[in-house]
Amino acid sequence: MKEKPVMIDTPLNVMPSTSAALRPPVLSLVIREKESLHAAYMPFLKNSGIFVPTSKGYHLGEEVYLVLTLLGDSEKYSIAGKVAWVTPSTAGNGKSQGIGVHFADDESGTRARQRIEDLLGAALHSTHVTHTL
């Protein structure tokens, strides 16, 4: 049976005493299988991104911080990003509810994208159904 990615939503919306700014929510995603990684990866975004299953409400353009663990790697990828995709609970067609996180155009986003593409290899061009397109 195909294992679903594990997602943990940890909001860190803490109001600093000297500023009204909020810290972006922190999402944690553990992907253990190559098939699940392929289904979640979003290579069509400018800096690429990944689908994160969640039932919490997010808005397009909202900043988030993602801690990503891939296929048993000991390294965790800490990635700043923005919500670029929202799949609501009413989506139908068997689509999972969640958000697409567009990786930031920085070292952390580039490292995560390169590692994902290395892990996926030829599967990047597969026509299997994904959580996005």
Protein backbone atom coordinates (compact mmCIF):
# COMPACT_ATOMS: atom_id res chain seq x y z
CA MET A 1 0.00 0.00 0.00
CA LYS A 2 1.31 3.44 -0.98
CA GLU A 3 2.41 5.48 2.01
CA LYS A 4 1.22 9.08 2.22
CA PRO A 5 3.68 11.86 3.05
CA VAL A 6 3.66 12.93 6.67
CA MET A 7 2.87 16.62 7.24
CA ILE A 8 2.98 18.49 10.50
CA ASP A 9 1.57 22.02 10.71
CA THR A 10 3.29 24.08 13.39
CA PRO A 11 2.13 27.70 13.37
CA LEU A 12 4.65 30.08 14.89
CA ASN A 13 2.60 33.24 14.63
CA VAL A 14 4.24 35.04 17.51
CA MET A 15 3.83 38.80 17.86
CA PRO A 16 7.20 40.40 18.63
CA SER A 17 6.96 43.06 21.31
CA THR A 18 8.50 45.75 19.09
CA SER A 19 6.75 44.95 15.81
CA ALA A 20 3.34 44.04 14.50
CA ALA A 21 4.88 41.64 11.96
CA LEU A 22 4.03 37.95 12.17
CA ARG A 23 6.46 35.14 11.59
CA PRO A 24 5.49 32.80 8.76
CA PRO A 25 3.98 29.46 9.73
CA VAL A 26 6.37 26.52 9.81
CA LEU A 27 5.37 23.37 7.91
CA SER A 28 7.16 20.06 8.21
CA LEU A 29 6.92 17.48 5.43
CA VAL A 30 8.45 14.00 5.43
CA ILE A 31 8.39 12.14 2.12
CA ARG A 32 9.51 8.52 2.37
CA GLU A 33 8.84 7.14 -1.13
CA LYS A 34 9.99 8.18 -4.59
CA GLU A 35 6.44 7.87 -5.95
CA SER A 36 5.15 10.27 -3.28
CA LEU A 37 7.96 12.71 -4.07
CA HIS A 38 7.07 12.66 -7.76
CA ALA A 39 3.40 13.26 -6.95
CA ALA A 40 4.25 16.26 -4.73
CA TYR A 41 7.02 17.93 -6.76
CA MET A 42 6.11 21.04 -8.76
CA PRO A 43 8.86 21.54 -11.39
CA PHE A 44 6.69 23.86 -13.50
CA LEU A 45 7.12 26.74 -11.01
CA LYS A 46 9.98 29.18 -11.73
CA ASN A 47 12.05 28.00 -8.74
CA SER A 48 10.14 24.73 -8.41
CA GLY A 49 8.13 23.80 -5.34
CA ILE A 50 6.32 21.03 -3.54
CA PHE A 51 2.77 20.13 -2.59
CA VAL A 52 2.16 19.99 1.16
CA PRO A 53 -1.00 18.22 2.35
CA THR A 54 -2.76 20.30 4.98
CA SER A 55 -6.26 21.07 6.12
CA LYS A 56 -5.31 24.53 7.41
CA GLY A 57 -6.32 27.54 5.37
CA TYR A 58 -3.60 29.42 3.51
CA HIS A 59 -3.77 32.22 0.96
CA LEU A 60 -1.96 32.60 -2.36
CA GLY A 61 1.26 34.56 -1.84
CA GLU A 62 1.39 33.83 1.91
CA GLU A 63 4.92 33.30 3.17
CA VAL A 64 5.67 29.94 4.78
CA TYR A 65 8.73 28.15 6.06
CA LEU A 66 9.09 24.47 5.14
CA VAL A 67 11.25 21.82 6.79
CA LEU A 68 11.51 19.00 4.25
CA THR A 69 12.88 15.48 4.76
CA LEU A 70 13.35 13.35 1.64
CA LEU A 71 13.44 9.56 1.26
CA GLY A 72 15.23 8.79 4.49
CA ASP A 73 17.96 11.44 4.05
CA SER A 74 19.43 12.50 7.37
CA GLU A 75 19.54 16.09 6.10
CA LYS A 76 16.49 18.30 6.55
CA TYR A 77 15.98 21.04 3.98
CA SER A 78 14.81 24.31 5.54
CA ILE A 79 13.14 26.31 2.79
CA ALA A 80 11.51 29.73 2.74
CA GLY A 81 8.65 29.89 0.27
CA LYS A 82 5.29 31.26 -0.71
CA VAL A 83 1.95 29.60 -1.27
CA ALA A 84 1.53 29.30 -5.05
CA TRP A 85 -1.20 26.68 -5.17
CA VAL A 86 -4.23 25.86 -3.03
CA THR A 87 -6.22 22.65 -3.40
CA PRO A 88 -9.39 22.99 -1.31
CA SER A 89 -11.18 20.12 0.39
CA THR A 90 -13.88 20.40 -2.29
CA ALA A 91 -11.46 19.79 -5.21
CA GLY A 92 -12.82 16.36 -6.14
CA ASN A 93 -11.18 13.94 -8.61
CA GLY A 94 -9.34 12.34 -5.68
CA LYS A 95 -7.08 15.39 -5.23
CA SER A 96 -5.64 15.82 -1.75
CA GLN A 97 -6.31 19.02 0.14
CA GLY A 98 -3.21 21.15 0.60
CA ILE A 99 -0.94 23.87 -0.73
CA GLY A 100 1.86 24.20 -3.23
CA VAL A 101 4.91 25.89 -1.74
CA HIS A 102 6.98 27.81 -4.29
CA PHE A 103 10.63 27.64 -3.24
CA ALA A 104 12.44 30.94 -2.70
CA ASP A 105 15.10 31.94 -5.23
CA ASP A 106 17.91 31.41 -2.76
CA GLU A 107 20.45 28.75 -1.74
CA SER A 108 17.96 26.73 0.33
CA GLY A 109 15.44 26.55 -2.51
CA THR A 110 18.12 25.67 -5.05
CA ARG A 111 19.59 22.92 -2.85
CA ALA A 112 16.18 21.36 -2.27
CA ARG A 113 15.29 21.51 -5.99
CA GLN A 114 18.61 19.92 -6.99
CA ARG A 115 18.25 17.13 -4.42
CA ILE A 116 14.67 16.39 -5.47
CA GLU A 117 15.62 16.27 -9.15
CA ASP A 118 18.59 14.01 -8.36
CA LEU A 119 16.30 11.64 -6.45
CA LEU A 120 13.62 11.61 -9.14
CA GLY A 121 15.97 11.24 -12.11
CA ALA A 122 14.05 9.97 -15.16
CA ALA A 123 10.81 9.92 -13.15
CA LEU A 124 10.71 13.72 -13.59
CA HIS A 125 9.31 13.13 -17.07
CA SER A 126 6.79 10.50 -15.99
CA THR A 127 3.14 10.92 -16.90
CA HIS A 128 1.85 9.51 -13.60
CA VAL A 129 -0.85 11.54 -11.86
CA THR A 130 0.40 14.12 -9.37
CA HIS A 131 -1.20 16.26 -6.66
CA THR A 132 -1.00 19.27 -8.99
CA LEU A 133 -1.13 19.12 -12.78
